Amino acid sequence: AKKWINIRKSYGNFYKVPRNQTKLTIMLEMLGMDYDGRPHSGLDDSKNIARIAIRMLQDGCELRVNERMHAGQLMTVSSSAPLEGAPAPQMPRYRN
């Protein structure tokens, strides 16, 4: 992977919170969620990060690539950069 979405960075920017409030357990707590699974389990951490991403989409966040590797160096991608590739996934609309 040469490009990705850093959820911690997206979360902090979207909810306007400082970096020290973007740890996984704090993000979940601030969103009114409990941690599901065992802490530091790769699979459980991934599922919890996905739950945060879903909530951010529900709250109107447009998740975009915000980090990439170039020549072995980590680089930040500007939030004003044009979108690349397919549009961001949207939450499905359910009819009542």
N, C-alpha and C. Protein backbone atom coordinates (compact mmCIF):
# COMPACT_ATOMS: atom_id res chain seq x y z
N ALA A 1 0.85 -1.18 0.00
CA ALA A 1 0.00 0.00 0.00
C ALA A 1 0.89 1.24 0.00
N LYS A 2 0.65 2.09 -0.94
CA LYS A 2 1.42 3.33 -1.02
C LYS A 2 0.61 4.54 -0.62
N LYS A 3 -0.73 4.38 -0.50
CA LYS A 3 -1.61 5.47 -0.08
C LYS A 3 -2.63 4.88 0.88
N TRP A 4 -3.02 5.66 1.88
CA TRP A 4 -4.00 5.17 2.83
C TRP A 4 -4.66 6.34 3.55
N ILE A 5 -5.70 6.00 4.30
CA ILE A 5 -6.39 6.96 5.15
C ILE A 5 -5.95 6.71 6.59
N ASN A 6 -5.33 7.69 7.18
CA ASN A 6 -4.96 7.62 8.60
C ASN A 6 -6.20 8.08 9.37
N ILE A 7 -6.92 7.12 9.95
CA ILE A 7 -8.17 7.43 10.64
C ILE A 7 -7.94 8.39 11.82
N ARG A 8 -6.84 8.23 12.52
CA ARG A 8 -6.56 9.14 13.64
C ARG A 8 -6.49 10.58 13.16
N LYS A 9 -5.81 10.80 12.06
CA LYS A 9 -5.67 12.14 11.50
C LYS A 9 -7.03 12.65 11.01
N SER A 10 -7.78 11.80 10.30
CA SER A 10 -9.10 12.19 9.81
C SER A 10 -10.04 12.52 10.96
N TYR A 11 -10.03 11.68 12.00
CA TYR A 11 -10.87 11.87 13.17
C TYR A 11 -10.56 13.22 13.83
N GLY A 12 -9.28 13.48 14.07
CA GLY A 12 -8.87 14.73 14.72
C GLY A 12 -9.29 15.95 13.93
N ASN A 13 -9.12 15.90 12.62
CA ASN A 13 -9.50 17.03 11.78
C ASN A 13 -11.01 17.21 11.73
N PHE A 14 -11.75 16.11 11.60
CA PHE A 14 -13.20 16.19 11.45
C PHE A 14 -13.88 16.64 12.74
N TYR A 15 -13.49 16.05 13.86
CA TYR A 15 -14.13 16.39 15.14
C TYR A 15 -13.42 17.51 15.88
N LYS A 16 -12.37 18.05 15.30
CA LYS A 16 -11.62 19.17 15.87
C LYS A 16 -11.11 18.86 17.27
N VAL A 17 -10.37 17.76 17.37
CA VAL A 17 -9.78 17.38 18.65
C VAL A 17 -8.26 17.28 18.49
N PRO A 18 -7.51 17.53 19.58
CA PRO A 18 -6.05 17.45 19.50
C PRO A 18 -5.57 16.01 19.32
N ARG A 19 -4.36 15.87 18.86
CA ARG A 19 -3.75 14.57 18.57
C ARG A 19 -3.78 13.63 19.77
N ASN A 20 -3.66 14.17 20.99
CA ASN A 20 -3.64 13.30 22.17
C ASN A 20 -5.01 12.71 22.47
N GLN A 21 -6.04 13.10 21.73
CA GLN A 21 -7.37 12.53 21.90
C GLN A 21 -7.74 11.62 20.74
N THR A 22 -6.73 11.14 20.00
CA THR A 22 -7.01 10.28 18.85
C THR A 22 -6.48 8.86 19.04
N LYS A 23 -6.33 8.46 20.28
CA LYS A 23 -6.00 7.05 20.55
C LYS A 23 -7.28 6.25 20.37
N LEU A 24 -7.15 5.00 19.95
CA LEU A 24 -8.31 4.18 19.61
C LEU A 24 -9.36 4.16 20.71
N THR A 25 -8.95 3.87 21.94
CA THR A 25 -9.93 3.78 23.02
C THR A 25 -10.61 5.12 23.30
N ILE A 26 -9.87 6.21 23.18
CA ILE A 26 -10.44 7.54 23.42
C ILE A 26 -11.42 7.90 22.30
N MET A 27 -11.06 7.59 21.05
CA MET A 27 -11.97 7.89 19.94
C MET A 27 -13.29 7.15 20.13
N LEU A 28 -13.21 5.86 20.47
CA LEU A 28 -14.42 5.07 20.70
C LEU A 28 -15.24 5.67 21.84
N GLU A 29 -14.59 5.99 22.93
CA GLU A 29 -15.28 6.55 24.09
C GLU A 29 -15.99 7.85 23.73
N MET A 30 -15.31 8.73 23.01
CA MET A 30 -15.89 10.01 22.63
C MET A 30 -17.11 9.83 21.70
N LEU A 31 -17.15 8.72 20.97
CA LEU A 31 -18.27 8.44 20.08
C LEU A 31 -19.35 7.61 20.79
N GLY A 32 -19.16 7.36 22.09
CA GLY A 32 -20.14 6.61 22.85
C GLY A 32 -20.12 5.12 22.59
N MET A 33 -18.97 4.61 22.17
CA MET A 33 -18.83 3.19 21.86
C MET A 33 -17.89 2.52 22.84
N ASP A 34 -18.09 1.23 23.05
CA ASP A 34 -17.17 0.42 23.85
C ASP A 34 -16.22 -0.29 22.91
N TYR A 35 -15.03 -0.61 23.42
CA TYR A 35 -14.08 -1.40 22.65
C TYR A 35 -14.61 -2.83 22.58
N ASP A 36 -14.71 -3.37 21.37
CA ASP A 36 -15.13 -4.76 21.18
C ASP A 36 -13.89 -5.64 20.99
N GLY A 37 -13.76 -6.70 21.78
CA GLY A 37 -12.66 -7.65 21.61
C GLY A 37 -11.54 -7.43 22.60
N ARG A 38 -10.37 -7.99 22.23
CA ARG A 38 -9.18 -7.91 23.08
C ARG A 38 -8.31 -6.74 22.62
N PRO A 39 -7.90 -5.87 23.54
CA PRO A 39 -7.02 -4.76 23.16
C PRO A 39 -5.72 -5.26 22.52
N HIS A 40 -5.28 -4.57 21.52
CA HIS A 40 -4.04 -4.84 20.79
C HIS A 40 -4.09 -6.10 19.93
N SER A 41 -5.27 -6.68 19.77
CA SER A 41 -5.45 -7.76 18.79
C SER A 41 -5.62 -7.07 17.44
N GLY A 42 -4.80 -7.44 16.48
CA GLY A 42 -4.86 -6.81 15.16
C GLY A 42 -6.24 -6.85 14.55
N LEU A 43 -6.88 -8.01 14.62
CA LEU A 43 -8.22 -8.15 14.04
C LEU A 43 -9.23 -7.30 14.81
N ASP A 44 -9.21 -7.35 16.13
CA ASP A 44 -10.15 -6.57 16.92
C ASP A 44 -9.91 -5.07 16.76
N ASP A 45 -8.64 -4.65 16.73
CA ASP A 45 -8.34 -3.23 16.49
C ASP A 45 -8.90 -2.80 15.14
N SER A 46 -8.72 -3.62 14.11
CA SER A 46 -9.21 -3.29 12.77
C SER A 46 -10.73 -3.15 12.75
N LYS A 47 -11.41 -4.05 13.43
CA LYS A 47 -12.88 -3.98 13.49
C LYS A 47 -13.34 -2.70 14.19
N ASN A 48 -12.65 -2.34 15.26
CA ASN A 48 -13.02 -1.12 15.98
C ASN A 48 -12.71 0.13 15.16
N ILE A 49 -11.61 0.13 14.43
CA ILE A 49 -11.29 1.25 13.54
C ILE A 49 -12.36 1.36 12.45
N ALA A 50 -12.82 0.23 11.93
CA ALA A 50 -13.89 0.24 10.92
C ALA A 50 -15.17 0.83 11.50
N ARG A 51 -15.48 0.52 12.75
CA ARG A 51 -16.67 1.08 13.40
C ARG A 51 -16.55 2.60 13.51
N ILE A 52 -15.35 3.09 13.80
CA ILE A 52 -15.12 4.54 13.87
C ILE A 52 -15.31 5.15 12.49
N ALA A 53 -14.75 4.51 11.46
CA ALA A 53 -14.87 5.04 10.09
C ALA A 53 -16.34 5.10 9.67
N ILE A 54 -17.11 4.08 9.99
CA ILE A 54 -18.54 4.07 9.65
C ILE A 54 -19.25 5.23 10.34
N ARG A 55 -18.95 5.42 11.61
CA ARG A 55 -19.59 6.52 12.35
C ARG A 55 -19.21 7.87 11.75
N MET A 56 -17.94 8.01 11.35
CA MET A 56 -17.51 9.27 10.75
C MET A 56 -18.28 9.52 9.45
N LEU A 57 -18.45 8.50 8.64
CA LEU A 57 -19.24 8.64 7.40
C LEU A 57 -20.67 9.03 7.72
N GLN A 58 -21.26 8.41 8.73
CA GLN A 58 -22.63 8.74 9.15
C GLN A 58 -22.74 10.19 9.60
N ASP A 59 -21.67 10.69 10.22
CA ASP A 59 -21.65 12.07 10.71
C ASP A 59 -21.31 13.07 9.62
N GLY A 60 -21.08 12.60 8.39
CA GLY A 60 -20.84 13.50 7.26
C GLY A 60 -19.40 13.69 6.86
N CYS A 61 -18.49 12.94 7.44
CA CYS A 61 -17.08 13.05 7.07
C CYS A 61 -16.85 12.45 5.69
N GLU A 62 -16.04 13.11 4.90
CA GLU A 62 -15.62 12.56 3.61
C GLU A 62 -14.20 12.03 3.80
N LEU A 63 -14.09 10.71 3.96
CA LEU A 63 -12.79 10.10 4.19
C LEU A 63 -11.98 10.14 2.91
N ARG A 64 -10.76 10.66 3.01
CA ARG A 64 -9.89 10.78 1.86
C ARG A 64 -8.49 10.29 2.21
N VAL A 65 -7.76 9.85 1.20
CA VAL A 65 -6.36 9.50 1.38
C VAL A 65 -5.66 10.71 1.99
N ASN A 66 -4.94 10.49 3.10
CA ASN A 66 -4.26 11.62 3.74
C ASN A 66 -2.78 11.33 4.06
N GLU A 67 -2.32 10.13 3.70
CA GLU A 67 -0.90 9.80 3.84
C GLU A 67 -0.48 8.89 2.69
N ARG A 68 0.82 8.96 2.36
CA ARG A 68 1.34 8.09 1.30
C ARG A 68 2.84 7.91 1.50
N MET A 69 3.35 6.90 0.84
CA MET A 69 4.80 6.69 0.81
C MET A 69 5.33 7.16 -0.53
N HIS A 70 6.43 7.89 -0.49
CA HIS A 70 7.09 8.32 -1.71
C HIS A 70 8.59 8.22 -1.48
N ALA A 71 9.24 7.40 -2.28
CA ALA A 71 10.69 7.20 -2.17
C ALA A 71 11.08 6.79 -0.75
N GLY A 72 10.25 5.94 -0.13
CA GLY A 72 10.55 5.44 1.20
C GLY A 72 10.26 6.41 2.32
N GLN A 73 9.66 7.55 2.02
CA GLN A 73 9.37 8.56 3.03
C GLN A 73 7.86 8.71 3.22
N LEU A 74 7.42 8.82 4.46
CA LEU A 74 6.02 9.07 4.77
C LEU A 74 5.70 10.52 4.45
N MET A 75 4.63 10.72 3.68
CA MET A 75 4.24 12.08 3.30
C MET A 75 2.77 12.29 3.61
N THR A 76 2.44 13.51 4.05
CA THR A 76 1.05 13.89 4.26
C THR A 76 0.48 14.35 2.94
N VAL A 77 -0.76 13.94 2.67
CA VAL A 77 -1.46 14.37 1.46
C VAL A 77 -2.40 15.49 1.88
N SER A 78 -2.34 16.60 1.18
CA SER A 78 -3.17 17.75 1.49
C SER A 78 -4.65 17.41 1.36
N SER A 79 -5.46 17.90 2.28
CA SER A 79 -6.90 17.65 2.21
C SER A 79 -7.53 18.41 1.06
N SER A 80 -6.81 19.37 0.47
CA SER A 80 -7.35 20.10 -0.67
C SER A 80 -6.93 19.47 -2.00
N ALA A 81 -6.15 18.38 -1.93
CA ALA A 81 -5.74 17.69 -3.15
C ALA A 81 -6.97 17.07 -3.81
N PRO A 82 -7.00 16.99 -5.13
CA PRO A 82 -8.15 16.39 -5.79
C PRO A 82 -8.29 14.92 -5.42
N LEU A 83 -9.53 14.44 -5.40
CA LEU A 83 -9.78 13.04 -5.10
C LEU A 83 -9.21 12.17 -6.20
N GLU A 84 -8.66 11.03 -5.80
CA GLU A 84 -8.12 10.08 -6.77
C GLU A 84 -8.99 8.85 -6.82
N GLY A 85 -9.09 8.25 -7.97
CA GLY A 85 -9.77 6.96 -8.10
C GLY A 85 -11.27 7.05 -7.89
N ALA A 86 -11.81 5.97 -7.38
CA ALA A 86 -13.26 5.88 -7.18
C ALA A 86 -13.71 6.82 -6.07
N PRO A 87 -14.97 7.23 -6.10
CA PRO A 87 -15.47 8.09 -5.02
C PRO A 87 -15.50 7.33 -3.70
N ALA A 88 -15.48 8.08 -2.62
CA ALA A 88 -15.52 7.47 -1.29
C ALA A 88 -16.81 6.68 -1.13
N PRO A 89 -16.74 5.56 -0.43
CA PRO A 89 -17.97 4.77 -0.23
C PRO A 89 -18.97 5.56 0.60
N GLN A 90 -20.23 5.38 0.30
CA GLN A 90 -21.31 6.04 1.02
C GLN A 90 -22.04 5.01 1.86
N MET A 91 -22.59 5.46 2.96
CA MET A 91 -23.38 4.56 3.79
C MET A 91 -24.66 4.22 3.05
N PRO A 92 -25.08 2.96 3.10
CA PRO A 92 -26.32 2.58 2.43
C PRO A 92 -27.51 3.28 3.07
N ARG A 93 -28.49 3.61 2.24
CA ARG A 93 -29.71 4.24 2.72
C ARG A 93 -30.75 3.16 2.93
N TYR A 94 -31.33 3.13 4.09
CA TYR A 94 -32.36 2.14 4.40
C TYR A 94 -33.71 2.82 4.44
N ARG A 95 -34.68 2.15 3.89
CA ARG A 95 -36.05 2.67 3.94
C ARG A 95 -36.76 2.11 5.14
N ASN A 96 -37.56 2.93 5.76
CA ASN A 96 -38.34 2.48 6.93
C ASN A 96 -39.66 1.90 6.49
